[in-house]
Amino acid sequence: MNTTSAVLKGLNGSEQCVRDTRVAQLVFPVLYTVLFFSGILLNSLALWVFLHIPSSSTFIVYLKNTLVADMVMTLMLPFKIVSDARLGPWQLRAFVCRFSAIIFYVTMYVGIILLGLIAFDRFLKILRPFGKFFVQRPAFAKTVSALIWILLVSLSLPNVILTNREATPSLVRKCASLKGPLGLWWHQLVNNISQAIFWTVLVLMLLFYVVIAKKVYNSYRRSKSKDSKNNRRLGGKVFVVVAVFFVCFAPFHFARVPYTHSQTNNKTDCRLQNQLFIAKETTLFLATTNICMDPLIYIFLCRKFTERLPCMKWRQSTASGQENHSSQTDNITLS
């Protein structure tokens, strides 16, 4: 039996199992709504700040592209919310299957690769703080970022084209039902490539941070100054990238392997299928919280971003005003 027929057989077998969508229909739309408004607020603020920061380093270029991916992902959430809550017409579900869900996953994996590049950039910064390799030039970061967008959009475009079966109220219940044999094969191929992207970035990120941790630890041991506590706090901030990566994306990719397997064979117990579906939806929500977690990277690691925040500018102006007032008072006293 070839892969395509196995997928089709699995799909037909899974269709006999009635999916329990109560949690996905009632709980997750509420959670995604909160996440949507939080994401819009945080990323709109980040967009305003980054518009005032020139792309003068690879780090800034990667952060700006991460912000674009997060904004697009955030804008796809209302379609998912309304569709999952069954508040819109069934045609909306077809739109989600054919367009918005695919765009959502494209931006997720763009974000995953960019987090890996940010980790690589921090790795080079700590390993060679004064080095100027070609990979540390903004032009390189812009080229790589553009290639990532082009590659992932091109890879996912056939998913849009091959979700080409005529939509009906019954077929749109599962997006896979809108795909023909070639569409299912390509969908599985993209899933495999997506998994490979995640695990590759994960392994590389672990290697980068093992070296970073060793460097930071050796630096602390050599440090005898009064500022060692401040240096330790600043050094620890670089680990926020790997923390965001693990919290958001690791659970989803651990859950996605058995879930995808359950969808492409007819031997999975119906109860287990529903449990895997809930696990996939729960970890997908966790992955989506990345749109609110990425601003932590901007705040902890990007000094230019922090300095441009309205609250920081207000604090700086207040502190400056207090210093001027104190200076004037001192002058009056001395007079």
Protein backbone atom coordinates (compact mmCIF):
# COMPACT_ATOMS: atom_id res chain seq x y z
CA MET A 1 0.00 0.00 0.00
CA ASN A 2 1.52 3.37 -0.98
CA THR A 3 1.59 6.47 1.23
CA THR A 4 -1.33 8.19 -0.48
CA SER A 5 -3.68 5.22 -0.15
CA ALA A 6 -2.62 4.81 3.49
CA VAL A 7 -3.47 8.42 4.16
CA LEU A 8 -6.84 8.09 2.44
CA LYS A 9 -7.61 4.90 4.31
CA GLY A 10 -6.68 6.57 7.58
CA LEU A 11 -8.84 9.54 6.74
CA ASN A 12 -11.82 7.36 5.97
CA GLY A 13 -11.29 5.37 9.13
CA SER A 14 -11.04 8.51 11.25
CA GLU A 15 -14.25 9.86 9.72
CA GLN A 16 -16.14 6.98 11.36
CA CYS A 17 -15.03 8.35 14.73
CA VAL A 18 -17.17 11.29 15.88
CA ARG A 19 -14.82 14.02 17.11
CA ASP A 20 -15.66 15.57 20.48
CA THR A 21 -15.41 19.31 19.78
CA ARG A 22 -17.08 20.65 22.93
CA VAL A 23 -13.84 21.90 24.47
CA ALA A 24 -12.57 23.27 21.16
CA GLN A 25 -15.94 24.96 20.55
CA LEU A 26 -16.52 26.47 24.00
CA VAL A 27 -13.24 26.90 25.90
CA PHE A 28 -10.58 27.66 23.29
CA PRO A 29 -12.47 30.46 21.49
CA VAL A 30 -12.59 32.37 24.80
CA LEU A 31 -8.87 31.78 25.41
CA TYR A 32 -7.97 32.75 21.85
CA THR A 33 -10.05 35.92 22.14
CA VAL A 34 -8.07 37.02 25.21
CA LEU A 35 -4.87 36.10 23.40
CA PHE A 36 -5.91 38.03 20.30
CA PHE A 37 -6.52 41.30 22.13
CA SER A 38 -3.34 40.89 24.17
CA GLY A 39 -1.37 40.14 21.00
CA ILE A 40 -2.81 43.13 19.16
CA LEU A 41 -1.93 45.45 22.05
CA LEU A 42 1.61 44.17 22.60
CA ASN A 43 2.55 43.83 18.95
CA SER A 44 1.06 47.21 17.99
CA LEU A 45 3.22 48.79 20.69
CA ALA A 46 6.25 46.84 19.46
CA LEU A 47 5.51 47.91 15.87
CA TRP A 48 5.38 51.57 16.91
CA VAL A 49 8.71 51.22 18.72
CA PHE A 50 10.47 49.37 15.90
CA LEU A 51 9.34 51.97 13.36
CA HIS A 52 11.62 54.36 15.25
CA ILE A 53 14.61 51.99 15.34
CA PRO A 54 16.85 51.65 12.25
CA SER A 55 17.81 48.16 11.05
CA SER A 56 21.45 48.70 11.97
CA SER A 57 22.23 45.17 13.17
CA THR A 58 21.34 41.57 12.37
CA PHE A 59 19.62 41.31 15.74
CA ILE A 60 17.23 44.18 14.97
CA VAL A 61 16.48 42.73 11.51
CA TYR A 62 15.55 39.34 13.00
CA LEU A 63 13.42 40.96 15.68
CA LYS A 64 11.53 43.05 13.13
CA ASN A 65 10.80 39.98 10.99
CA THR A 66 9.66 38.13 14.11
CA LEU A 67 7.27 41.00 14.82
CA VAL A 68 5.85 40.81 11.28
CA ALA A 69 5.27 37.05 11.68
CA ASP A 70 3.57 37.61 15.04
CA MET A 71 1.34 40.37 13.65
CA VAL A 72 0.17 38.22 10.73
CA MET A 73 -0.44 35.26 13.05
CA THR A 74 -2.45 37.50 15.37
CA LEU A 75 -4.60 38.76 12.50
CA MET A 76 -5.46 35.15 11.55
CA LEU A 77 -6.90 34.43 15.01
CA PRO A 78 -10.39 36.02 14.54
CA PHE A 79 -11.11 33.59 11.68
CA LYS A 80 -10.14 30.64 13.88
CA ILE A 81 -12.14 31.97 16.84
CA VAL A 82 -15.38 32.47 14.91
CA SER A 83 -14.96 29.21 12.99
CA ASP A 84 -14.18 27.07 16.06
CA ALA A 85 -17.07 28.62 18.02
CA ARG A 86 -19.43 27.80 15.12
CA LEU A 87 -20.62 31.41 15.07
CA GLY A 88 -20.13 31.98 11.36
CA PRO A 89 -21.44 30.26 8.23
CA TRP A 90 -19.90 26.98 7.15
CA GLN A 91 -18.25 28.80 4.25
CA LEU A 92 -16.04 30.55 6.82
CA ARG A 93 -14.72 27.16 7.91
CA ALA A 94 -13.79 26.46 4.28
CA PHE A 95 -11.90 29.78 4.18
CA VAL A 96 -10.03 28.80 7.35
CA CYS A 97 -9.06 25.43 5.87
CA ARG A 98 -7.94 26.88 2.55
CA PHE A 99 -6.28 30.14 3.58
CA SER A 100 -6.10 31.48 7.12
CA ALA A 101 -4.97 28.24 8.83
CA ILE A 102 -2.22 27.79 6.24
CA ILE A 103 -1.04 31.39 6.69
CA PHE A 104 -1.14 30.84 10.45
CA TYR A 105 1.23 27.86 10.23
CA VAL A 106 3.53 29.65 7.76
CA THR A 107 4.05 32.48 10.24
CA MET A 108 4.55 30.00 13.09
CA TYR A 109 7.46 28.30 11.34
CA VAL A 110 8.92 31.60 10.14
CA GLY A 111 8.92 32.58 13.82
CA ILE A 112 10.56 29.29 14.83
CA ILE A 113 13.40 29.72 12.32
CA LEU A 114 13.86 33.36 13.35
CA LEU A 115 14.14 32.36 17.01
CA GLY A 116 16.91 29.99 15.93
CA LEU A 117 18.64 32.82 14.07
CA ILE A 118 18.29 35.11 17.11
CA ALA A 119 19.91 32.39 19.24
CA PHE A 120 22.70 32.07 16.66
CA ASP A 121 23.17 35.84 16.68
CA ARG A 122 23.47 35.90 20.50
CA PHE A 123 25.86 32.93 20.27
CA LEU A 124 28.16 34.89 17.93
CA LYS A 125 27.82 38.02 20.05
CA ILE A 126 29.06 36.22 23.17
CA LEU A 127 31.64 34.07 21.38
CA ARG A 128 33.08 36.89 19.27
CA PRO A 129 31.73 40.17 20.72
CA PHE A 130 33.96 42.30 18.48
CA GLY A 131 33.96 40.00 15.46
CA LYS A 132 32.55 41.13 12.13
CA PHE A 133 31.78 37.97 10.19
CA PHE A 134 29.65 38.38 7.08
CA VAL A 135 26.82 36.64 8.97
CA GLN A 136 26.85 39.55 11.45
CA ARG A 137 26.04 42.16 8.82
CA PRO A 138 22.49 43.54 8.44
CA ALA A 139 22.53 42.84 4.69
CA PHE A 140 23.02 39.13 5.41
CA ALA A 141 20.15 39.10 7.93
CA LYS A 142 17.82 40.86 5.47
CA THR A 143 18.69 38.37 2.71
CA VAL A 144 18.24 35.33 4.95
CA SER A 145 14.94 36.65 6.33
CA ALA A 146 13.59 37.27 2.83
CA LEU A 147 14.63 33.76 1.74
CA ILE A 148 12.88 32.23 4.77
CA TRP A 149 9.62 34.00 3.91
CA ILE A 150 9.86 33.06 0.22
CA LEU A 151 10.74 29.42 0.95
CA LEU A 152 7.97 28.79 3.50
CA VAL A 153 5.30 30.64 1.51
CA SER A 154 6.28 28.68 -1.61
CA LEU A 155 6.21 25.42 0.36
CA SER A 156 2.72 26.14 1.70
CA LEU A 157 1.18 27.58 -1.46
CA PRO A 158 0.35 24.09 -2.86
CA ASN A 159 -1.62 23.46 0.35
CA VAL A 160 -3.87 26.34 -0.69
CA ILE A 161 -4.15 25.17 -4.29
CA LEU A 162 -4.65 21.48 -3.46
CA THR A 163 -7.40 22.08 -0.88
CA ASN A 164 -9.61 22.00 -3.94
CA ARG A 165 -12.54 19.66 -3.26
CA GLU A 166 -15.91 21.38 -3.40
CA ALA A 167 -16.77 22.50 0.12
CA THR A 168 -19.96 21.28 1.78
CA PRO A 169 -21.21 21.65 5.37
CA SER A 170 -20.15 18.07 6.14
CA LEU A 171 -16.74 18.18 4.46
CA VAL A 172 -15.55 21.37 6.19
CA ARG A 173 -15.73 19.68 9.59
CA LYS A 174 -12.25 18.32 8.85
CA CYS A 175 -9.91 20.33 6.65
CA ALA A 176 -8.29 17.14 5.36
CA SER A 177 -11.63 16.21 3.76
CA LEU A 178 -11.23 19.13 1.33
CA LYS A 179 -8.00 17.67 -0.06
CA GLY A 180 -7.65 15.11 -2.80
CA PRO A 181 -4.98 12.37 -2.82
CA LEU A 182 -2.24 14.74 -4.01
CA GLY A 183 -3.32 17.38 -1.48
CA LEU A 184 -3.15 14.86 1.38
CA TRP A 185 0.28 13.69 0.24
CA TRP A 186 1.58 17.27 0.07
CA HIS A 187 0.03 18.07 3.45
CA GLN A 188 1.85 15.15 5.02
CA LEU A 189 5.09 16.19 3.30
CA VAL A 190 4.79 19.74 4.68
CA ASN A 191 4.08 18.32 8.15
CA ASN A 192 7.27 16.25 7.94
CA ILE A 193 9.30 19.25 6.78
CA SER A 194 7.80 21.36 9.57
CA GLN A 195 8.81 18.75 12.14
CA ALA A 196 12.31 18.67 10.66
CA ILE A 197 12.51 22.48 10.94
CA PHE A 198 11.52 22.40 14.60
CA TRP A 199 13.87 19.58 15.63
CA THR A 200 16.79 21.09 13.69
CA VAL A 201 16.31 24.48 15.33
CA LEU A 202 15.90 22.78 18.72
CA VAL A 203 19.17 20.83 18.44
CA LEU A 204 21.12 23.86 17.16
CA MET A 205 19.65 26.08 19.86
CA LEU A 206 20.68 23.61 22.57
CA LEU A 207 24.23 23.55 21.18
CA PHE A 208 24.38 27.35 21.07
CA TYR A 209 23.18 27.70 24.64
CA VAL A 210 25.48 25.02 26.03
CA VAL A 211 28.39 27.13 24.73
CA ILE A 212 26.75 30.36 25.96
CA ALA A 213 26.15 28.86 29.42
CA LYS A 214 29.77 27.75 29.64
CA LYS A 215 31.00 31.20 28.60
CA VAL A 216 28.71 32.96 31.07
CA TYR A 217 29.72 30.59 33.89
CA ASN A 218 33.44 31.10 33.23
CA SER A 219 32.89 34.84 33.12
CA TYR A 220 31.20 34.74 36.54
CA ARG A 221 34.03 32.69 38.02
CA ARG A 222 36.63 35.17 36.78
CA SER A 223 34.60 38.17 37.89
CA LYS A 224 35.61 39.60 41.25
CA SER A 225 34.05 43.04 40.82
CA LYS A 226 31.17 44.58 42.76
CA ASP A 227 29.07 44.45 39.60
CA SER A 228 29.22 40.65 39.35
CA LYS A 229 25.57 40.40 40.47
CA ASN A 230 24.51 42.84 37.75
CA ASN A 231 26.62 40.97 35.19
CA ARG A 232 25.00 37.71 36.26
CA ARG A 233 21.54 39.22 35.83
CA LEU A 234 22.42 40.60 32.39
CA GLY A 235 24.04 37.33 31.32
CA GLY A 236 20.99 35.36 32.36
CA LYS A 237 18.76 37.44 30.08
CA VAL A 238 20.17 35.76 26.98
CA PHE A 239 18.38 32.56 28.02
CA VAL A 240 14.96 34.15 27.52
CA VAL A 241 15.07 33.06 23.85
CA VAL A 242 15.43 29.36 24.61
CA ALA A 243 12.83 29.68 27.39
CA VAL A 244 10.25 31.17 24.99
CA PHE A 245 11.08 28.52 22.39
CA PHE A 246 10.62 25.60 24.78
CA VAL A 247 7.50 26.91 26.53
CA CYS A 248 5.68 27.77 23.31
CA PHE A 249 6.74 25.27 20.67
CA ALA A 250 8.12 22.11 22.28
CA PRO A 251 4.78 20.78 23.67
CA PHE A 252 3.00 21.26 20.33
CA HIS A 253 5.60 19.31 18.38
CA PHE A 254 5.68 16.51 20.93
CA ALA A 255 1.87 16.23 20.66
CA ARG A 256 1.73 16.64 16.88
CA VAL A 257 3.62 13.42 16.10
CA PRO A 258 1.06 10.98 17.60
CA TYR A 259 -1.85 13.20 16.47
CA THR A 260 -0.70 13.18 12.83
CA HIS A 261 -0.16 9.41 13.08
CA SER A 262 -3.73 8.97 14.36
CA GLN A 263 -5.08 10.92 11.38
CA THR A 264 -3.26 8.86 8.75
CA ASN A 265 -4.14 5.34 9.89
CA ASN A 266 -7.35 3.53 10.80
CA LYS A 267 -6.04 1.56 13.78
CA THR A 268 -6.21 4.33 16.37
CA ASP A 269 -8.94 3.90 18.98
CA CYS A 270 -11.70 6.54 18.72
CA ARG A 271 -11.31 7.61 22.34
CA LEU A 272 -7.56 8.00 21.85
CA GLN A 273 -8.19 10.03 18.70
CA ASN A 274 -10.28 12.50 20.69
CA GLN A 275 -7.66 12.68 23.45
CA LEU A 276 -4.93 13.37 20.90
CA PHE A 277 -7.14 16.03 19.29
CA ILE A 278 -7.55 17.83 22.63
CA ALA A 279 -3.81 17.51 23.29
CA LYS A 280 -3.06 18.99 19.86
CA GLU A 281 -5.50 21.88 20.35
CA THR A 282 -4.16 22.61 23.85
CA THR A 283 -0.53 22.66 22.75
CA LEU A 284 -1.46 24.66 19.63
CA PHE A 285 -2.90 27.33 21.92
CA LEU A 286 0.34 27.24 23.91
CA ALA A 287 2.30 27.68 20.67
CA THR A 288 0.10 30.65 19.75
CA THR A 289 0.98 32.40 23.04
CA ASN A 290 4.29 33.04 21.30
CA ILE A 291 2.71 36.24 19.92
CA CYS A 292 2.69 37.59 23.48
CA MET A 293 5.95 35.97 24.62
CA ASP A 294 8.18 37.40 21.89
CA PRO A 295 7.89 40.94 23.33
CA LEU A 296 9.79 39.57 26.35
CA ILE A 297 12.74 39.01 24.01
CA TYR A 298 12.50 42.59 22.77
CA ILE A 299 12.42 43.94 26.33
CA PHE A 300 15.10 41.72 27.88
CA LEU A 301 17.60 41.63 25.03
CA CYS A 302 17.14 44.80 22.95
CA ARG A 303 18.28 47.90 24.77
CA LYS A 304 17.22 50.17 21.87
CA PHE A 305 13.70 48.77 22.10
CA THR A 306 13.49 49.30 25.87
CA GLU A 307 14.76 52.86 25.59
CA ARG A 308 12.03 53.67 23.05
CA LEU A 309 9.17 52.34 25.16
CA PRO A 310 6.80 55.18 26.14
CA CYS A 311 6.95 54.24 29.84
CA MET A 312 10.76 54.30 29.80
CA LYS A 313 10.82 57.64 28.00
CA TRP A 314 8.41 59.01 30.61
CA ARG A 315 10.62 57.74 33.43
CA GLN A 316 13.70 59.22 31.79
CA SER A 317 12.01 62.60 31.31
CA THR A 318 10.74 62.52 34.91
CA ALA A 319 14.21 61.66 36.21
CA SER A 320 15.71 64.42 34.07
CA GLY A 321 13.12 66.88 35.37
CA GLN A 322 13.87 65.92 38.96
CA GLU A 323 17.59 66.36 38.36
CA ASN A 324 17.00 69.83 36.85
CA HIS A 325 14.71 70.76 39.74
CA SER A 326 17.31 69.53 42.24
CA SER A 327 20.03 71.47 40.44
CA GLN A 328 17.94 74.66 40.50
CA THR A 329 17.19 74.17 44.20
CA ASP A 330 20.88 73.69 44.95
CA ASN A 331 21.71 76.88 43.06
CA ILE A 332 19.08 78.83 45.00
CA THR A 333 20.39 77.41 48.27
CA LEU A 334 24.00 78.27 47.36
CA SER A 335 22.95 81.78 46.38
